[in-house]
Amino acid sequence: MNNLLATLYLFAQDAPVKEGPAPSPLLQFLPLIAIVIFFYFIMFRPNQKERAKREAALSQLKKNDRVVTIGGIIGTIANIAENEQEVTLKIDDNAKLKVRRSAIQGLYQVETKETTS
């Protein structure tokens, strides 16, 4: 058995190595480039679209819109400050809450059984 392994080892050392032309650097990096493009379209692009959509919705807020904050507080816009960064939400008849515009998740829409099915 040992003799057989030694013989195979000698044949493997003496085997001619065929070297072809070196592949171009572009072909070597092509799989990496494809992976980067794949991750851009799967992970980053949808996030950018969602952020742009949210910013457009926040810029169109007006008085008496019913909104929900990121923390889950539901209220009606009572006032928008002059600098448009602060919004006063009317929670109920006696409670008002001042929040930043960026803390608003979006318009509040009541879900019914027909819309979720």
C-alpha atoms as a PDB file:
ATOM      1  CA  MET A   1       0.000   0.000   0.000  1.00  0.00           C
ATOM      2  CA  ASN A   2       2.810   2.337   0.913  1.00  0.00           C
ATOM      3  CA  ASN A   3       4.528   1.527  -2.379  1.00  0.00           C
ATOM      4  CA  LEU A   4       1.394   2.395  -4.327  1.00  0.00           C
ATOM      5  CA  LEU A   5       1.078   5.772  -2.626  1.00  0.00           C
ATOM      6  CA  ALA A   6       4.739   6.570  -3.267  1.00  0.00           C
ATOM      7  CA  THR A   7       4.328   5.686  -6.959  1.00  0.00           C
ATOM      8  CA  LEU A   8       1.212   7.863  -7.309  1.00  0.00           C
ATOM      9  CA  TYR A   9       3.032  10.697  -5.604  1.00  0.00           C
ATOM     10  CA  LEU A  10       5.926  10.465  -8.067  1.00  0.00           C
ATOM     11  CA  PHE A  11       3.529  10.466 -11.035  1.00  0.00           C
ATOM     12  CA  ALA A  12       1.752  13.486  -9.649  1.00  0.00           C
ATOM     13  CA  GLN A  13       5.028  15.390  -9.347  1.00  0.00           C
ATOM     14  CA  ASP A  14       6.108  14.561 -12.875  1.00  0.00           C
ATOM     15  CA  ALA A  15       2.759  15.431 -14.466  1.00  0.00           C
ATOM     16  CA  PRO A  16       3.080  18.361 -16.835  1.00  0.00           C
ATOM     17  CA  VAL A  17       1.202  21.464 -15.746  1.00  0.00           C
ATOM     18  CA  LYS A  18      -0.637  23.184 -18.537  1.00  0.00           C
ATOM     19  CA  GLU A  19      -0.772  26.920 -18.024  1.00  0.00           C
ATOM     20  CA  GLY A  20      -3.099  28.881 -20.212  1.00  0.00           C
ATOM     21  CA  PRO A  21      -3.333  32.600 -20.568  1.00  0.00           C
ATOM     22  CA  ALA A  22      -4.192  34.433 -17.350  1.00  0.00           C
ATOM     23  CA  PRO A  23      -7.864  35.411 -17.114  1.00  0.00           C
ATOM     24  CA  SER A  24      -8.579  39.113 -17.320  1.00  0.00           C
ATOM     25  CA  PRO A  25      -9.045  40.980 -14.023  1.00  0.00           C
ATOM     26  CA  LEU A  26     -12.575  41.922 -15.052  1.00  0.00           C
ATOM     27  CA  LEU A  27     -13.565  38.261 -15.295  1.00  0.00           C
ATOM     28  CA  GLN A  28     -12.034  37.583 -11.893  1.00  0.00           C
ATOM     29  CA  PHE A  29     -14.093  40.348 -10.231  1.00  0.00           C
ATOM     30  CA  LEU A  30     -17.282  39.682 -12.192  1.00  0.00           C
ATOM     31  CA  PRO A  31     -18.875  37.442  -9.489  1.00  0.00           C
ATOM     32  CA  LEU A  32     -18.128  40.048  -6.805  1.00  0.00           C
ATOM     33  CA  ILE A  33     -19.613  42.814  -8.948  1.00  0.00           C
ATOM     34  CA  ALA A  34     -22.730  40.694  -9.562  1.00  0.00           C
ATOM     35  CA  ILE A  35     -23.172  40.102  -5.812  1.00  0.00           C
ATOM     36  CA  VAL A  36     -22.872  43.834  -5.050  1.00  0.00           C
ATOM     37  CA  ILE A  37     -25.465  44.683  -7.708  1.00  0.00           C
ATOM     38  CA  PHE A  38     -27.774  41.943  -6.404  1.00  0.00           C
ATOM     39  CA  PHE A  39     -27.593  43.257  -2.824  1.00  0.00           C
ATOM     40  CA  TYR A  40     -28.187  46.834  -4.015  1.00  0.00           C
ATOM     41  CA  PHE A  41     -31.428  45.918  -5.756  1.00  0.00           C
ATOM     42  CA  ILE A  42     -32.630  43.518  -3.040  1.00  0.00           C
ATOM     43  CA  MET A  43     -31.722  45.458   0.105  1.00  0.00           C
ATOM     44  CA  PHE A  44     -30.914  49.116  -0.488  1.00  0.00           C
ATOM     45  CA  ARG A  45     -33.144  50.219  -3.369  1.00  0.00           C
ATOM     46  CA  PRO A  46     -36.487  49.245  -1.754  1.00  0.00           C
ATOM     47  CA  ASN A  47     -35.423  51.033   1.431  1.00  0.00           C
ATOM     48  CA  GLN A  48     -34.654  54.204  -0.536  1.00  0.00           C
ATOM     49  CA  LYS A  49     -38.029  54.065  -2.281  1.00  0.00           C
ATOM     50  CA  GLU A  50     -39.863  53.586   1.033  1.00  0.00           C
ATOM     51  CA  ARG A  51     -37.983  56.498   2.626  1.00  0.00           C
ATOM     52  CA  ALA A  52     -38.795  58.806  -0.298  1.00  0.00           C
ATOM     53  CA  LYS A  53     -42.457  57.779  -0.163  1.00  0.00           C
ATOM     54  CA  ARG A  54     -42.612  58.471   3.608  1.00  0.00           C
ATOM     55  CA  GLU A  55     -40.926  61.868   3.245  1.00  0.00           C
ATOM     56  CA  ALA A  56     -43.394  62.843   0.523  1.00  0.00           C
ATOM     57  CA  ALA A  57     -46.309  61.823   2.757  1.00  0.00           C
ATOM     58  CA  LEU A  58     -44.904  63.777   5.713  1.00  0.00           C
ATOM     59  CA  SER A  59     -44.469  66.906   3.611  1.00  0.00           C
ATOM     60  CA  GLN A  60     -48.178  66.815   2.667  1.00  0.00           C
ATOM     61  CA  LEU A  61     -49.524  66.679   6.228  1.00  0.00           C
ATOM     62  CA  LYS A  62     -52.129  69.300   7.063  1.00  0.00           C
ATOM     63  CA  LYS A  63     -54.367  70.297   9.934  1.00  0.00           C
ATOM     64  CA  ASN A  64     -57.112  67.791  10.933  1.00  0.00           C
ATOM     65  CA  ASP A  65     -55.268  64.808   9.413  1.00  0.00           C
ATOM     66  CA  ARG A  66     -55.524  61.698  11.569  1.00  0.00           C
ATOM     67  CA  VAL A  67     -52.015  60.278  12.049  1.00  0.00           C
ATOM     68  CA  VAL A  68     -50.151  57.605  13.990  1.00  0.00           C
ATOM     69  CA  THR A  69     -46.711  58.177  15.500  1.00  0.00           C
ATOM     70  CA  ILE A  70     -43.808  55.758  15.458  1.00  0.00           C
ATOM     71  CA  GLY A  71     -44.631  54.949  19.095  1.00  0.00           C
ATOM     72  CA  GLY A  72     -48.206  54.024  18.182  1.00  0.00           C
ATOM     73  CA  ILE A  73     -49.988  57.140  19.463  1.00  0.00           C
ATOM     74  CA  ILE A  74     -53.008  58.018  17.342  1.00  0.00           C
ATOM     75  CA  GLY A  75     -54.090  61.628  17.130  1.00  0.00           C
ATOM     76  CA  THR A  76     -55.361  64.453  14.971  1.00  0.00           C
ATOM     77  CA  ILE A  77     -53.073  67.261  13.852  1.00  0.00           C
ATOM     78  CA  ALA A  78     -54.147  70.414  15.708  1.00  0.00           C
ATOM     79  CA  ASN A  79     -51.297  72.682  14.629  1.00  0.00           C
ATOM     80  CA  ILE A  80     -48.132  72.623  12.551  1.00  0.00           C
ATOM     81  CA  ALA A  81     -45.363  74.928  13.796  1.00  0.00           C
ATOM     82  CA  GLU A  82     -43.961  77.661  11.565  1.00  0.00           C
ATOM     83  CA  ASN A  83     -40.658  75.851  11.137  1.00  0.00           C
ATOM     84  CA  GLU A  84     -42.670  72.757  10.124  1.00  0.00           C
ATOM     85  CA  GLN A  85     -40.573  70.536  12.372  1.00  0.00           C
ATOM     86  CA  GLU A  86     -43.034  70.333  15.280  1.00  0.00           C
ATOM     87  CA  VAL A  87     -46.598  69.093  15.092  1.00  0.00           C
ATOM     88  CA  THR A  88     -49.212  69.368  17.840  1.00  0.00           C
ATOM     89  CA  LEU A  89     -51.423  66.297  18.042  1.00  0.00           C
ATOM     90  CA  LYS A  90     -54.815  66.356  19.675  1.00  0.00           C
ATOM     91  CA  ILE A  91     -55.145  63.008  21.428  1.00  0.00           C
ATOM     92  CA  ASP A  92     -58.582  63.563  22.978  1.00  0.00           C
ATOM     93  CA  ASP A  93     -60.657  66.564  24.106  1.00  0.00           C
ATOM     94  CA  ASN A  94     -58.215  67.682  26.822  1.00  0.00           C
ATOM     95  CA  ALA A  95     -54.869  66.190  25.803  1.00  0.00           C
ATOM     96  CA  LYS A  96     -52.439  67.642  23.271  1.00  0.00           C
ATOM     97  CA  LEU A  97     -49.002  66.333  22.488  1.00  0.00           C
ATOM     98  CA  LYS A  98     -46.193  68.125  20.681  1.00  0.00           C
ATOM     99  CA  VAL A  99     -44.018  65.819  18.524  1.00  0.00           C
ATOM    100  CA  ARG A 100     -41.469  66.213  15.761  1.00  0.00           C
ATOM    101  CA  ARG A 101     -42.729  65.714  12.238  1.00  0.00           C
ATOM    102  CA  SER A 102     -40.208  62.902  11.751  1.00  0.00           C
ATOM    103  CA  ALA A 103     -41.872  60.986  14.642  1.00  0.00           C
ATOM    104  CA  ILE A 104     -45.056  60.601  12.609  1.00  0.00           C
ATOM    105  CA  GLN A 105     -45.236  57.248  10.867  1.00  0.00           C
ATOM    106  CA  GLY A 106     -48.050  58.183   8.516  1.00  0.00           C
ATOM    107  CA  LEU A 107     -51.757  58.696   8.120  1.00  0.00           C
ATOM    108  CA  TYR A 108     -53.942  56.524  10.323  1.00  0.00           C
ATOM    109  CA  GLN A 109     -56.279  54.228   8.461  1.00  0.00           C
ATOM    110  CA  VAL A 110     -58.780  52.049  10.284  1.00  0.00           C
ATOM    111  CA  GLU A 111     -58.493  48.438   9.150  1.00  0.00           C
ATOM    112  CA  THR A 112     -61.707  46.526   8.686  1.00  0.00           C
ATOM    113  CA  LYS A 113     -62.249  42.843   8.017  1.00  0.00           C
ATOM    114  CA  GLU A 114     -62.997  43.512   4.343  1.00  0.00           C
ATOM    115  CA  THR A 115     -59.732  45.396   3.724  1.00  0.00           C
ATOM    116  CA  THR A 116     -57.516  42.781   5.412  1.00  0.00           C
ATOM    117  CA  SER A 117     -59.074  39.786   3.601  1.00  0.00           C
END
